[in-house]
Structures are given as C-alpha cells and as structure tokens.
PDB file of N, CA and C in Angstrom:
ATOM      1  N   MET A   1       9.714 -33.814  11.565  1.00  0.00           N
ATOM      2  CA  MET A   1       8.905 -33.821  10.364  1.00  0.00           C
ATOM      3  C   MET A   1       7.416 -33.793  10.718  1.00  0.00           C
ATOM      4  N   LEU A   2       7.053 -34.524  11.744  1.00  0.00           N
ATOM      5  CA  LEU A   2       5.657 -34.539  12.164  1.00  0.00           C
ATOM      6  C   LEU A   2       5.229 -33.166  12.662  1.00  0.00           C
ATOM      7  N   CYS A   3       6.133 -32.482  13.362  1.00  0.00           N
ATOM      8  CA  CYS A   3       5.826 -31.126  13.838  1.00  0.00           C
ATOM      9  C   CYS A   3       5.604 -30.174  12.668  1.00  0.00           C
ATOM     10  N   GLU A   4       6.442 -30.295  11.625  1.00  0.00           N
ATOM     11  CA  GLU A   4       6.282 -29.437  10.449  1.00  0.00           C
ATOM     12  C   GLU A   4       4.938 -29.672   9.777  1.00  0.00           C
ATOM     13  N   ALA A   5       4.534 -30.930   9.666  1.00  0.00           N
ATOM     14  CA  ALA A   5       3.251 -31.260   9.044  1.00  0.00           C
ATOM     15  C   ALA A   5       2.091 -30.717   9.883  1.00  0.00           C
ATOM     16  N   ALA A   6       2.188 -30.854  11.199  1.00  0.00           N
ATOM     17  CA  ALA A   6       1.131 -30.355  12.082  1.00  0.00           C
ATOM     18  C   ALA A   6       1.040 -28.830  12.002  1.00  0.00           C
ATOM     19  N   LEU A   7       2.204 -28.169  12.002  1.00  0.00           N
ATOM     20  CA  LEU A   7       2.219 -26.718  11.898  1.00  0.00           C
ATOM     21  C   LEU A   7       1.632 -26.252  10.568  1.00  0.00           C
ATOM     22  N   SER A   8       2.001 -26.937   9.503  1.00  0.00           N
ATOM     23  CA  SER A   8       1.466 -26.603   8.182  1.00  0.00           C
ATOM     24  C   SER A   8      -0.049 -26.759   8.159  1.00  0.00           C
ATOM     25  N   LEU A   9      -0.546 -27.837   8.734  1.00  0.00           N
ATOM     26  CA  LEU A   9      -1.988 -28.077   8.781  1.00  0.00           C
ATOM     27  C   LEU A   9      -2.684 -27.004   9.614  1.00  0.00           C
ATOM     28  N   LEU A  10      -2.089 -26.651  10.748  1.00  0.00           N
ATOM     29  CA  LEU A  10      -2.669 -25.623  11.612  1.00  0.00           C
ATOM     30  C   LEU A  10      -2.721 -24.277  10.913  1.00  0.00           C
ATOM     31  N   LEU A  11      -1.630 -23.877  10.244  1.00  0.00           N
ATOM     32  CA  LEU A  11      -1.608 -22.604   9.534  1.00  0.00           C
ATOM     33  C   LEU A  11      -2.619 -22.581   8.406  1.00  0.00           C
ATOM     34  N   THR A  12      -2.710 -23.674   7.670  1.00  0.00           N
ATOM     35  CA  THR A  12      -3.673 -23.761   6.571  1.00  0.00           C
ATOM     36  C   THR A  12      -5.093 -23.655   7.109  1.00  0.00           C
ATOM     37  N   ALA A  13      -5.378 -24.330   8.204  1.00  0.00           N
ATOM     38  CA  ALA A  13      -6.718 -24.284   8.790  1.00  0.00           C
ATOM     39  C   ALA A  13      -7.061 -22.865   9.230  1.00  0.00           C
ATOM     40  N   ASN A  14      -6.095 -22.161   9.822  1.00  0.00           N
ATOM     41  CA  ASN A  14      -6.353 -20.788  10.251  1.00  0.00           C
ATOM     42  C   ASN A  14      -6.634 -19.882   9.073  1.00  0.00           C
ATOM     43  N   ILE A  15      -5.947 -20.069   7.985  1.00  0.00           N
ATOM     44  CA  ILE A  15      -6.163 -19.248   6.800  1.00  0.00           C
ATOM     45  C   ILE A  15      -7.542 -19.520   6.209  1.00  0.00           C
ATOM     46  N   VAL A  16      -7.901 -20.775   6.104  1.00  0.00           N
ATOM     47  CA  VAL A  16      -9.173 -21.146   5.497  1.00  0.00           C
ATOM     48  C   VAL A  16     -10.343 -20.657   6.337  1.00  0.00           C
ATOM     49  N   TYR A  17     -10.224 -20.744   7.659  1.00  0.00           N
ATOM     50  CA  TYR A  17     -11.344 -20.419   8.529  1.00  0.00           C
ATOM     51  C   TYR A  17     -11.199 -19.063   9.224  1.00  0.00           C
ATOM     52  N   ALA A  18     -10.243 -18.234   8.779  1.00  0.00           N
ATOM     53  CA  ALA A  18      -9.948 -16.981   9.475  1.00  0.00           C
ATOM     54  C   ALA A  18     -11.146 -16.028   9.498  1.00  0.00           C
ATOM     55  N   ALA A  19     -11.802 -15.836   8.404  1.00  0.00           N
ATOM     56  CA  ALA A  19     -12.930 -14.902   8.349  1.00  0.00           C
ATOM     57  C   ALA A  19     -13.897 -15.364   7.280  1.00  0.00           C
ATOM     58  N   GLY A  20     -15.160 -15.182   7.575  1.00  0.00           N
ATOM     59  CA  GLY A  20     -16.162 -15.528   6.585  1.00  0.00           C
ATOM     60  C   GLY A  20     -16.103 -14.580   5.413  1.00  0.00           C
ATOM     61  N   PRO A  21     -16.787 -14.902   4.346  1.00  0.00           N
ATOM     62  CA  PRO A  21     -16.781 -13.991   3.195  1.00  0.00           C
ATOM     63  C   PRO A  21     -17.521 -12.694   3.538  1.00  0.00           C
ATOM     64  N   PHE A  22     -16.901 -11.578   3.181  1.00  0.00           N
ATOM     65  CA  PHE A  22     -17.480 -10.262   3.403  1.00  0.00           C
ATOM     66  C   PHE A  22     -17.941  -9.690   2.069  1.00  0.00           C
ATOM     67  N   GLU A  23     -18.956  -8.831   2.124  1.00  0.00           N
ATOM     68  CA  GLU A  23     -19.269  -8.022   0.957  1.00  0.00           C
ATOM     69  C   GLU A  23     -18.122  -7.024   0.804  1.00  0.00           C
ATOM     70  N   VAL A  24     -17.924  -6.525  -0.418  1.00  0.00           N
ATOM     71  CA  VAL A  24     -16.772  -5.669  -0.705  1.00  0.00           C
ATOM     72  C   VAL A  24     -17.234  -4.289  -1.160  1.00  0.00           C
ATOM     73  N   THR A  25     -16.579  -3.262  -0.618  1.00  0.00           N
ATOM     74  CA  THR A  25     -16.781  -1.884  -1.045  1.00  0.00           C
ATOM     75  C   THR A  25     -15.526  -1.443  -1.794  1.00  0.00           C
ATOM     76  N   ILE A  26     -15.689  -0.802  -2.954  1.00  0.00           N
ATOM     77  CA  ILE A  26     -14.556  -0.360  -3.763  1.00  0.00           C
ATOM     78  C   ILE A  26     -14.597   1.158  -3.917  1.00  0.00           C
ATOM     79  N   GLU A  27     -13.474   1.798  -3.624  1.00  0.00           N
ATOM     80  CA  GLU A  27     -13.308   3.233  -3.868  1.00  0.00           C
ATOM     81  C   GLU A  27     -12.248   3.377  -4.948  1.00  0.00           C
ATOM     82  N   ARG A  28     -12.562   4.073  -6.022  1.00  0.00           N
ATOM     83  CA  ARG A  28     -11.630   4.227  -7.144  1.00  0.00           C
ATOM     84  C   ARG A  28     -10.922   5.580  -7.081  1.00  0.00           C
ATOM     85  N   ASP A  29      -9.677   5.582  -7.522  1.00  0.00           N
ATOM     86  CA  ASP A  29      -8.866   6.804  -7.662  1.00  0.00           C
ATOM     87  C   ASP A  29      -8.795   7.639  -6.383  1.00  0.00           C
ATOM     88  N   VAL A  30      -8.578   6.979  -5.261  1.00  0.00           N
ATOM     89  CA  VAL A  30      -8.373   7.673  -3.987  1.00  0.00           C
ATOM     90  C   VAL A  30      -6.994   8.322  -4.041  1.00  0.00           C
ATOM     91  N   THR A  31      -6.922   9.606  -3.714  1.00  0.00           N
ATOM     92  CA  THR A  31      -5.668  10.345  -3.856  1.00  0.00           C
ATOM     93  C   THR A  31      -4.815  10.288  -2.594  1.00  0.00           C
ATOM     94  N   ALA A  32      -3.511  10.312  -2.822  1.00  0.00           N
ATOM     95  CA  ALA A  32      -2.520  10.425  -1.746  1.00  0.00           C
ATOM     96  C   ALA A  32      -1.470  11.412  -2.234  1.00  0.00           C
ATOM     97  N   THR A  33      -1.233  12.454  -1.457  1.00  0.00           N
ATOM     98  CA  THR A  33      -0.266  13.472  -1.844  1.00  0.00           C
ATOM     99  C   THR A  33       1.083  13.156  -1.221  1.00  0.00           C
ATOM    100  N   MET A  34       2.090  13.061  -2.064  1.00  0.00           N
ATOM    101  CA  MET A  34       3.441  12.770  -1.605  1.00  0.00           C
ATOM    102  C   MET A  34       4.077  14.024  -1.017  1.00  0.00           C
ATOM    103  N   ARG A  35       5.195  13.873  -0.345  1.00  0.00           N
ATOM    104  CA  ARG A  35       5.836  14.998   0.355  1.00  0.00           C
ATOM    105  C   ARG A  35       6.222  16.140  -0.579  1.00  0.00           C
ATOM    106  N   ASP A  36       6.416  15.841  -1.885  1.00  0.00           N
ATOM    107  CA  ASP A  36       6.771  16.912  -2.827  1.00  0.00           C
ATOM    108  C   ASP A  36       5.560  17.443  -3.592  1.00  0.00           C
ATOM    109  N   GLY A  37       4.360  17.040  -3.185  1.00  0.00           N
ATOM    110  CA  GLY A  37       3.137  17.559  -3.770  1.00  0.00           C
ATOM    111  C   GLY A  37       2.558  16.739  -4.910  1.00  0.00           C
ATOM    112  N   VAL A  38       3.253  15.720  -5.386  1.00  0.00           N
ATOM    113  CA  VAL A  38       2.745  14.879  -6.473  1.00  0.00           C
ATOM    114  C   VAL A  38       1.611  14.005  -5.928  1.00  0.00           C
ATOM    115  N   VAL A  39       0.537  13.887  -6.710  1.00  0.00           N
ATOM    116  CA  VAL A  39      -0.638  13.114  -6.293  1.00  0.00           C
ATOM    117  C   VAL A  39      -0.608  11.741  -6.954  1.00  0.00           C
ATOM    118  N   LEU A  40      -0.684  10.699  -6.123  1.00  0.00           N
ATOM    119  CA  LEU A  40      -0.795   9.322  -6.612  1.00  0.00           C
ATOM    120  C   LEU A  40      -2.219   8.847  -6.353  1.00  0.00           C
ATOM    121  N   ARG A  41      -2.703   7.950  -7.205  1.00  0.00           N
ATOM    122  CA  ARG A  41      -4.079   7.469  -7.084  1.00  0.00           C
ATOM    123  C   ARG A  41      -4.105   5.961  -6.884  1.00  0.00           C
ATOM    124  N   ALA A  42      -5.081   5.534  -6.079  1.00  0.00           N
ATOM    125  CA  ALA A  42      -5.201   4.116  -5.743  1.00  0.00           C
ATOM    126  C   ALA A  42      -6.664   3.695  -5.745  1.00  0.00           C
ATOM    127  N   ASP A  43      -6.880   2.415  -5.949  1.00  0.00           N
ATOM    128  CA  ASP A  43      -8.194   1.814  -5.748  1.00  0.00           C
ATOM    129  C   ASP A  43      -8.133   1.090  -4.407  1.00  0.00           C
ATOM    130  N   VAL A  44      -9.164   1.287  -3.586  1.00  0.00           N
ATOM    131  CA  VAL A  44      -9.194   0.700  -2.249  1.00  0.00           C
ATOM    132  C   VAL A  44     -10.366  -0.270  -2.165  1.00  0.00           C
ATOM    133  N   TYR A  45     -10.073  -1.492  -1.757  1.00  0.00           N
ATOM    134  CA  TYR A  45     -11.064  -2.555  -1.610  1.00  0.00           C
ATOM    135  C   TYR A  45     -11.188  -2.847  -0.122  1.00  0.00           C
ATOM    136  N   ARG A  46     -12.416  -2.711   0.424  1.00  0.00           N
ATOM    137  CA  ARG A  46     -12.632  -2.888   1.856  1.00  0.00           C
ATOM    138  C   ARG A  46     -13.739  -3.907   2.111  1.00  0.00           C
ATOM    139  N   PRO A  47     -13.602  -4.641   3.219  1.00  0.00           N
ATOM    140  CA  PRO A  47     -14.748  -5.455   3.630  1.00  0.00           C
ATOM    141  C   PRO A  47     -15.880  -4.524   4.056  1.00  0.00           C
ATOM    142  N   LYS A  48     -17.084  -4.846   3.690  1.00  0.00           N
ATOM    143  CA  LYS A  48     -18.234  -4.025   4.067  1.00  0.00           C
ATOM    144  C   LYS A  48     -18.711  -4.499   5.441  1.00  0.00           C
ATOM    145  N   ALA A  49     -17.940  -4.070   6.463  1.00  0.00           N
ATOM    146  CA  ALA A  49     -18.227  -4.476   7.839  1.00  0.00           C
ATOM    147  C   ALA A  49     -17.549  -3.501   8.786  1.00  0.00           C
ATOM    148  N   ASP A  50     -18.046  -3.431  10.000  1.00  0.00           N
ATOM    149  CA  ASP A  50     -17.421  -2.596  11.016  1.00  0.00           C
ATOM    150  C   ASP A  50     -16.184  -3.296  11.556  1.00  0.00           C
ATOM    151  N   GLY A  51     -15.251  -2.499  12.047  1.00  0.00           N
ATOM    152  CA  GLY A  51     -14.062  -3.074  12.663  1.00  0.00           C
ATOM    153  C   GLY A  51     -12.797  -2.674  11.943  1.00  0.00           C
ATOM    154  N   GLN A  52     -11.682  -3.119  12.500  1.00  0.00           N
ATOM    155  CA  GLN A  52     -10.380  -2.864  11.904  1.00  0.00           C
ATOM    156  C   GLN A  52      -9.925  -4.106  11.151  1.00  0.00           C
ATOM    157  N   PHE A  53      -9.237  -3.882  10.039  1.00  0.00           N
ATOM    158  CA  PHE A  53      -8.770  -4.977   9.209  1.00  0.00           C
ATOM    159  C   PHE A  53      -7.316  -4.733   8.821  1.00  0.00           C
ATOM    160  N   PRO A  54      -6.537  -5.785   8.646  1.00  0.00           N
ATOM    161  CA  PRO A  54      -5.158  -5.602   8.174  1.00  0.00           C
ATOM    162  C   PRO A  54      -5.163  -5.071   6.739  1.00  0.00           C
ATOM    163  N   VAL A  55      -4.103  -4.335   6.398  1.00  0.00           N
ATOM    164  CA  VAL A  55      -4.020  -3.679   5.091  1.00  0.00           C
ATOM    165  C   VAL A  55      -2.923  -4.306   4.239  1.00  0.00           C
ATOM    166  N   LEU A  56      -3.244  -4.526   2.975  1.00  0.00           N
ATOM    167  CA  LEU A  56      -2.274  -4.976   1.976  1.00  0.00           C
ATOM    168  C   LEU A  56      -2.116  -3.852   0.958  1.00  0.00           C
ATOM    169  N   LEU A  57      -0.903  -3.309   0.848  1.00  0.00           N
ATOM    170  CA  LEU A  57      -0.632  -2.217  -0.092  1.00  0.00           C
ATOM    171  C   LEU A  57       0.191  -2.756  -1.251  1.00  0.00           C
ATOM    172  N   GLN A  58      -0.323  -2.547  -2.459  1.00  0.00           N
ATOM    173  CA  GLN A  58       0.400  -2.932  -3.667  1.00  0.00           C
ATOM    174  C   GLN A  58       0.588  -1.689  -4.520  1.00  0.00           C
ATOM    175  N   ARG A  59       1.839  -1.361  -4.802  1.00  0.00           N
ATOM    176  CA  ARG A  59       2.152  -0.214  -5.655  1.00  0.00           C
ATOM    177  C   ARG A  59       2.700  -0.775  -6.959  1.00  0.00           C
ATOM    178  N   THR A  60       2.179  -0.308  -8.079  1.00  0.00           N
ATOM    179  CA  THR A  60       2.554  -0.937  -9.345  1.00  0.00           C
ATOM    180  C   THR A  60       2.723   0.065 -10.484  1.00  0.00           C
ATOM    181  N   PRO A  61       3.700  -0.188 -11.375  1.00  0.00           N
ATOM    182  CA  PRO A  61       3.810   0.605 -12.596  1.00  0.00           C
ATOM    183  C   PRO A  61       2.978  -0.002 -13.733  1.00  0.00           C
ATOM    184  N   TYR A  62       2.269  -1.107 -13.456  1.00  0.00           N
ATOM    185  CA  TYR A  62       1.565  -1.862 -14.499  1.00  0.00           C
ATOM    186  C   TYR A  62       0.058  -1.674 -14.514  1.00  0.00           C
ATOM    187  N   ASN A  63      -0.465  -0.608 -13.951  1.00  0.00           N
ATOM    188  CA  ASN A  63      -1.882  -0.265 -13.937  1.00  0.00           C
ATOM    189  C   ASN A  63      -2.605  -0.935 -12.767  1.00  0.00           C
ATOM    190  N   LYS A  64      -2.997  -0.128 -11.828  1.00  0.00           N
ATOM    191  CA  LYS A  64      -3.682  -0.597 -10.630  1.00  0.00           C
ATOM    192  C   LYS A  64      -4.948  -1.386 -10.953  1.00  0.00           C
ATOM    193  N   SER A  65      -5.555  -1.116 -12.081  1.00  0.00           N
ATOM    194  CA  SER A  65      -6.784  -1.812 -12.463  1.00  0.00           C
ATOM    195  C   SER A  65      -6.568  -3.291 -12.738  1.00  0.00           C
ATOM    196  N   SER A  66      -5.324  -3.690 -12.979  1.00  0.00           N
ATOM    197  CA  SER A  66      -5.054  -5.113 -13.211  1.00  0.00           C
ATOM    198  C   SER A  66      -5.140  -5.919 -11.922  1.00  0.00           C
ATOM    199  N   GLY A  67      -5.238  -5.250 -10.768  1.00  0.00           N
ATOM    200  CA  GLY A  67      -5.328  -5.940  -9.486  1.00  0.00           C
ATOM    201  C   GLY A  67      -6.734  -6.053  -8.940  1.00  0.00           C
ATOM    202  N   VAL A  68      -7.732  -5.916  -9.790  1.00  0.00           N
ATOM    203  CA  VAL A  68      -9.123  -5.958  -9.339  1.00  0.00           C
ATOM    204  C   VAL A  68      -9.449  -7.294  -8.672  1.00  0.00           C
ATOM    205  N   ASN A  69      -9.102  -8.393  -9.313  1.00  0.00           N
ATOM    206  CA  ASN A  69      -9.432  -9.710  -8.752  1.00  0.00           C
ATOM    207  C   ASN A  69      -8.780  -9.914  -7.398  1.00  0.00           C
ATOM    208  N   PHE A  70      -7.498  -9.526  -7.284  1.00  0.00           N
ATOM    209  CA  PHE A  70      -6.801  -9.639  -6.013  1.00  0.00           C
ATOM    210  C   PHE A  70      -7.481  -8.790  -4.950  1.00  0.00           C
ATOM    211  N   GLY A  71      -7.825  -7.548  -5.286  1.00  0.00           N
ATOM    212  CA  GLY A  71      -8.462  -6.651  -4.329  1.00  0.00           C
ATOM    213  C   GLY A  71      -9.790  -7.181  -3.820  1.00  0.00           C
ATOM    214  N   ILE A  72     -10.597  -7.696  -4.719  1.00  0.00           N
ATOM    215  CA  ILE A  72     -11.905  -8.229  -4.329  1.00  0.00           C
ATOM    216  C   ILE A  72     -11.744  -9.473  -3.462  1.00  0.00           C
ATOM    217  N   LYS A  73     -10.858 -10.375  -3.857  1.00  0.00           N
ATOM    218  CA  LYS A  73     -10.644 -11.598  -3.072  1.00  0.00           C
ATOM    219  C   LYS A  73     -10.093 -11.275  -1.685  1.00  0.00           C
ATOM    220  N   ALA A  74      -9.150 -10.344  -1.612  1.00  0.00           N
ATOM    221  CA  ALA A  74      -8.561  -9.980  -0.320  1.00  0.00           C
ATOM    222  C   ALA A  74      -9.609  -9.348   0.592  1.00  0.00           C
ATOM    223  N   ALA A  75     -10.399  -8.419   0.069  1.00  0.00           N
ATOM    224  CA  ALA A  75     -11.422  -7.760   0.882  1.00  0.00           C
ATOM    225  C   ALA A  75     -12.490  -8.748   1.334  1.00  0.00           C
ATOM    226  N   ALA A  76     -12.850  -9.675   0.487  1.00  0.00           N
ATOM    227  CA  ALA A  76     -13.846 -10.687   0.848  1.00  0.00           C
ATOM    228  C   ALA A  76     -13.334 -11.585   1.970  1.00  0.00           C
ATOM    229  N   ARG A  77     -12.027 -11.660   2.128  1.00  0.00           N
ATOM    230  CA  ARG A  77     -11.413 -12.497   3.164  1.00  0.00           C
ATOM    231  C   ARG A  77     -10.974 -11.698   4.398  1.00  0.00           C
ATOM    232  N   GLY A  78     -11.356 -10.418   4.466  1.00  0.00           N
ATOM    233  CA  GLY A  78     -11.102  -9.653   5.670  1.00  0.00           C
ATOM    234  C   GLY A  78      -9.878  -8.765   5.655  1.00  0.00           C
ATOM    235  N   PHE A  79      -9.407  -8.377   4.479  1.00  0.00           N
ATOM    236  CA  PHE A  79      -8.285  -7.452   4.352  1.00  0.00           C
ATOM    237  C   PHE A  79      -8.745  -6.187   3.647  1.00  0.00           C
ATOM    238  N   VAL A  80      -8.080  -5.084   3.919  1.00  0.00           N
ATOM    239  CA  VAL A  80      -8.221  -3.890   3.093  1.00  0.00           C
ATOM    240  C   VAL A  80      -7.084  -3.976   2.080  1.00  0.00           C
ATOM    241  N   ALA A  81      -7.410  -3.980   0.802  1.00  0.00           N
ATOM    242  CA  ALA A  81      -6.399  -4.062  -0.252  1.00  0.00           C
ATOM    243  C   ALA A  81      -6.343  -2.728  -0.984  1.00  0.00           C
ATOM    244  N   ILE A  82      -5.129  -2.197  -1.109  1.00  0.00           N
ATOM    245  CA  ILE A  82      -4.930  -0.920  -1.795  1.00  0.00           C
ATOM    246  C   ILE A  82      -4.003  -1.154  -2.975  1.00  0.00           C
ATOM    247  N   ASN A  83      -4.472  -0.858  -4.176  1.00  0.00           N
ATOM    248  CA  ASN A  83      -3.664  -0.956  -5.390  1.00  0.00           C
ATOM    249  C   ASN A  83      -3.386   0.456  -5.881  1.00  0.00           C
ATOM    250  N   GLN A  84      -2.118   0.854  -5.861  1.00  0.00           N
ATOM    251  CA  GLN A  84      -1.747   2.233  -6.190  1.00  0.00           C
ATOM    252  C   GLN A  84      -0.864   2.273  -7.431  1.00  0.00           C
ATOM    253  N   ASP A  85      -1.204   3.167  -8.359  1.00  0.00           N
ATOM    254  CA  ASP A  85      -0.324   3.433  -9.494  1.00  0.00           C
ATOM    255  C   ASP A  85       0.861   4.250  -8.996  1.00  0.00           C
ATOM    256  N   VAL A  86       2.072   3.845  -9.364  1.00  0.00           N
ATOM    257  CA  VAL A  86       3.246   4.604  -8.944  1.00  0.00           C
ATOM    258  C   VAL A  86       3.321   5.915  -9.707  1.00  0.00           C
ATOM    259  N   ARG A  87       4.183   6.770  -9.251  1.00  0.00           N
ATOM    260  CA  ARG A  87       4.386   8.103  -9.822  1.00  0.00           C
ATOM    261  C   ARG A  87       4.599   8.031 -11.343  1.00  0.00           C
ATOM    262  N   GLY A  88       3.803   8.827 -12.057  1.00  0.00           N
ATOM    263  CA  GLY A  88       3.971   8.955 -13.498  1.00  0.00           C
ATOM    264  C   GLY A  88       3.391   7.821 -14.327  1.00  0.00           C
ATOM    265  N   ARG A  89       2.676   6.911 -13.709  1.00  0.00           N
ATOM    266  CA  ARG A  89       2.106   5.780 -14.442  1.00  0.00           C
ATOM    267  C   ARG A  89       0.588   5.796 -14.308  1.00  0.00           C
ATOM    268  N   TYR A  90      -0.094   5.569 -15.405  1.00  0.00           N
ATOM    269  CA  TYR A  90      -1.548   5.462 -15.500  1.00  0.00           C
ATOM    270  C   TYR A  90      -2.245   6.643 -14.835  1.00  0.00           C
ATOM    271  N   SER A  91      -2.964   6.454 -13.731  1.00  0.00           N
ATOM    272  CA  SER A  91      -3.764   7.562 -13.197  1.00  0.00           C
ATOM    273  C   SER A  91      -3.006   8.460 -12.220  1.00  0.00           C
ATOM    274  N   SER A  92      -1.765   8.116 -11.892  1.00  0.00           N
ATOM    275  CA  SER A  92      -0.993   8.946 -10.958  1.00  0.00           C
ATOM    276  C   SER A  92      -0.240  10.054 -11.689  1.00  0.00           C
ATOM    277  N   ASP A  93      -0.077  11.180 -11.002  1.00  0.00           N
ATOM    278  CA  ASP A  93       0.629  12.330 -11.564  1.00  0.00           C
ATOM    279  C   ASP A  93       2.141  12.144 -11.432  1.00  0.00           C
ATOM    280  N   GLY A  94       2.871  13.074 -12.016  1.00  0.00           N
ATOM    281  CA  GLY A  94       4.323  13.079 -11.908  1.00  0.00           C
ATOM    282  C   GLY A  94       5.006  12.409 -13.084  1.00  0.00           C
ATOM    283  N   ASP A  95       6.328  12.365 -13.006  1.00  0.00           N
ATOM    284  CA  ASP A  95       7.151  11.729 -14.046  1.00  0.00           C
ATOM    285  C   ASP A  95       7.726  10.433 -13.503  1.00  0.00           C
ATOM    286  N   TRP A  96       7.692   9.417 -14.341  1.00  0.00           N
ATOM    287  CA  TRP A  96       8.163   8.097 -13.922  1.00  0.00           C
ATOM    288  C   TRP A  96       9.607   7.879 -14.331  1.00  0.00           C
ATOM    289  N   TYR A  97      10.430   7.617 -13.349  1.00  0.00           N
ATOM    290  CA  TYR A  97      11.817   7.202 -13.555  1.00  0.00           C
ATOM    291  C   TYR A  97      11.997   5.944 -12.726  1.00  0.00           C
ATOM    292  N   THR A  98      12.369   4.860 -13.373  1.00  0.00           N
ATOM    293  CA  THR A  98      12.467   3.564 -12.702  1.00  0.00           C
ATOM    294  C   THR A  98      13.230   3.667 -11.380  1.00  0.00           C
ATOM    295  N   PHE A  99      12.580   3.312 -10.297  1.00  0.00           N
ATOM    296  CA  PHE A  99      13.125   3.222  -8.935  1.00  0.00           C
ATOM    297  C   PHE A  99      13.589   4.542  -8.321  1.00  0.00           C
ATOM    298  N   GLN A 100      13.478   5.651  -8.988  1.00  0.00           N
ATOM    299  CA  GLN A 100      13.984   6.903  -8.451  1.00  0.00           C
ATOM    300  C   GLN A 100      13.196   7.369  -7.222  1.00  0.00           C
ATOM    301  N   HIS A 101      11.881   7.252  -7.258  1.00  0.00           N
ATOM    302  CA  HIS A 101      11.045   7.790  -6.178  1.00  0.00           C
ATOM    303  C   HIS A 101      10.391   6.693  -5.337  1.00  0.00           C
ATOM    304  N   GLU A 102      10.700   5.439  -5.604  1.00  0.00           N
ATOM    305  CA  GLU A 102       9.952   4.347  -4.971  1.00  0.00           C
ATOM    306  C   GLU A 102      10.084   4.312  -3.457  1.00  0.00           C
ATOM    307  N   SER A 103      11.269   4.525  -2.927  1.00  0.00           N
ATOM    308  CA  SER A 103      11.446   4.463  -1.468  1.00  0.00           C
ATOM    309  C   SER A 103      10.644   5.552  -0.770  1.00  0.00           C
ATOM    310  N   ALA A 104      10.806   6.781  -1.198  1.00  0.00           N
ATOM    311  CA  ALA A 104      10.100   7.901  -0.558  1.00  0.00           C
ATOM    312  C   ALA A 104       8.588   7.791  -0.777  1.00  0.00           C
ATOM    313  N   ASP A 105       8.171   7.466  -2.002  1.00  0.00           N
ATOM    314  CA  ASP A 105       6.729   7.364  -2.277  1.00  0.00           C
ATOM    315  C   ASP A 105       6.103   6.194  -1.523  1.00  0.00           C
ATOM    316  N   GLY A 106       6.812   5.091  -1.426  1.00  0.00           N
ATOM    317  CA  GLY A 106       6.307   3.946  -0.677  1.00  0.00           C
ATOM    318  C   GLY A 106       6.118   4.297   0.791  1.00  0.00           C
ATOM    319  N   TYR A 107       7.116   5.002   1.345  1.00  0.00           N
ATOM    320  CA  TYR A 107       7.015   5.448   2.745  1.00  0.00           C
ATOM    321  C   TYR A 107       5.821   6.386   2.916  1.00  0.00           C
ATOM    322  N   ASP A 108       5.700   7.367   2.021  1.00  0.00           N
ATOM    323  CA  ASP A 108       4.604   8.332   2.115  1.00  0.00           C
ATOM    324  C   ASP A 108       3.240   7.642   1.968  1.00  0.00           C
ATOM    325  N   ALA A 109       3.156   6.651   1.096  1.00  0.00           N
ATOM    326  CA  ALA A 109       1.895   5.938   0.891  1.00  0.00           C
ATOM    327  C   ALA A 109       1.475   5.211   2.168  1.00  0.00           C
ATOM    328  N   VAL A 110       2.425   4.622   2.856  1.00  0.00           N
ATOM    329  CA  VAL A 110       2.106   3.929   4.108  1.00  0.00           C
ATOM    330  C   VAL A 110       1.683   4.918   5.177  1.00  0.00           C
ATOM    331  N   GLU A 111       2.387   6.025   5.258  1.00  0.00           N
ATOM    332  CA  GLU A 111       2.046   7.038   6.278  1.00  0.00           C
ATOM    333  C   GLU A 111       0.695   7.652   5.985  1.00  0.00           C
TER     334      GLU A 111
END
C-alpha cells in the first residue's frame, strides 16, 4: 500500500511539473485526405516552442470546435492536440454512417 501511495505521488508530481506553460498556436480546418479521396478537417493546437511534442488525436462526430478548451490546455502543457471532425460531420467532407469508416479513417489520420 505504501508503494502504491508513493508511486501515485511520483506520477502526480511528474504530471504537475512536466512542462511549464507554453503559448499556444492554433491552426483551423487543417485538411487530411483519406485513402479514398475524402477530405477531413481538424483544428491543431501546438505549443509555441521549438522541439518535438507528443500528439493527442481526438476524432469526433460532435463538432471539433467543442474541444477548444481541451486543445488549448493540452498545448499549454506541452502536447500537440488535434481535434478532427469525422467523415460527413460538420466541416469534414463525405457521408456519415455510424462506425462504417472509423477504423480506416482513424488509421489514415494517424499516418
């Protein structure tokens, strides 16, 4: 039990002190072309700093703009956050059919 508490404290400390607050750069409606030619659009939130940062990709049928707060907070903490509208929803092209294209589009978005 003591080990679990120490590990929890250590992980929490690393998260809190991992990176200082960064200024944030936002790119809206960045396009990604899927293997079948359909264009999906995403908002990209980046720390305004040199270097490489881990990426958080969120694909949603509920409007990428609803993730603004998450994107800004993540980028300020040293992550690149990408909020993408899925196929056929909001700013992305194509026709939306629940779960039909999610596996392939998710793979293509990562690549």
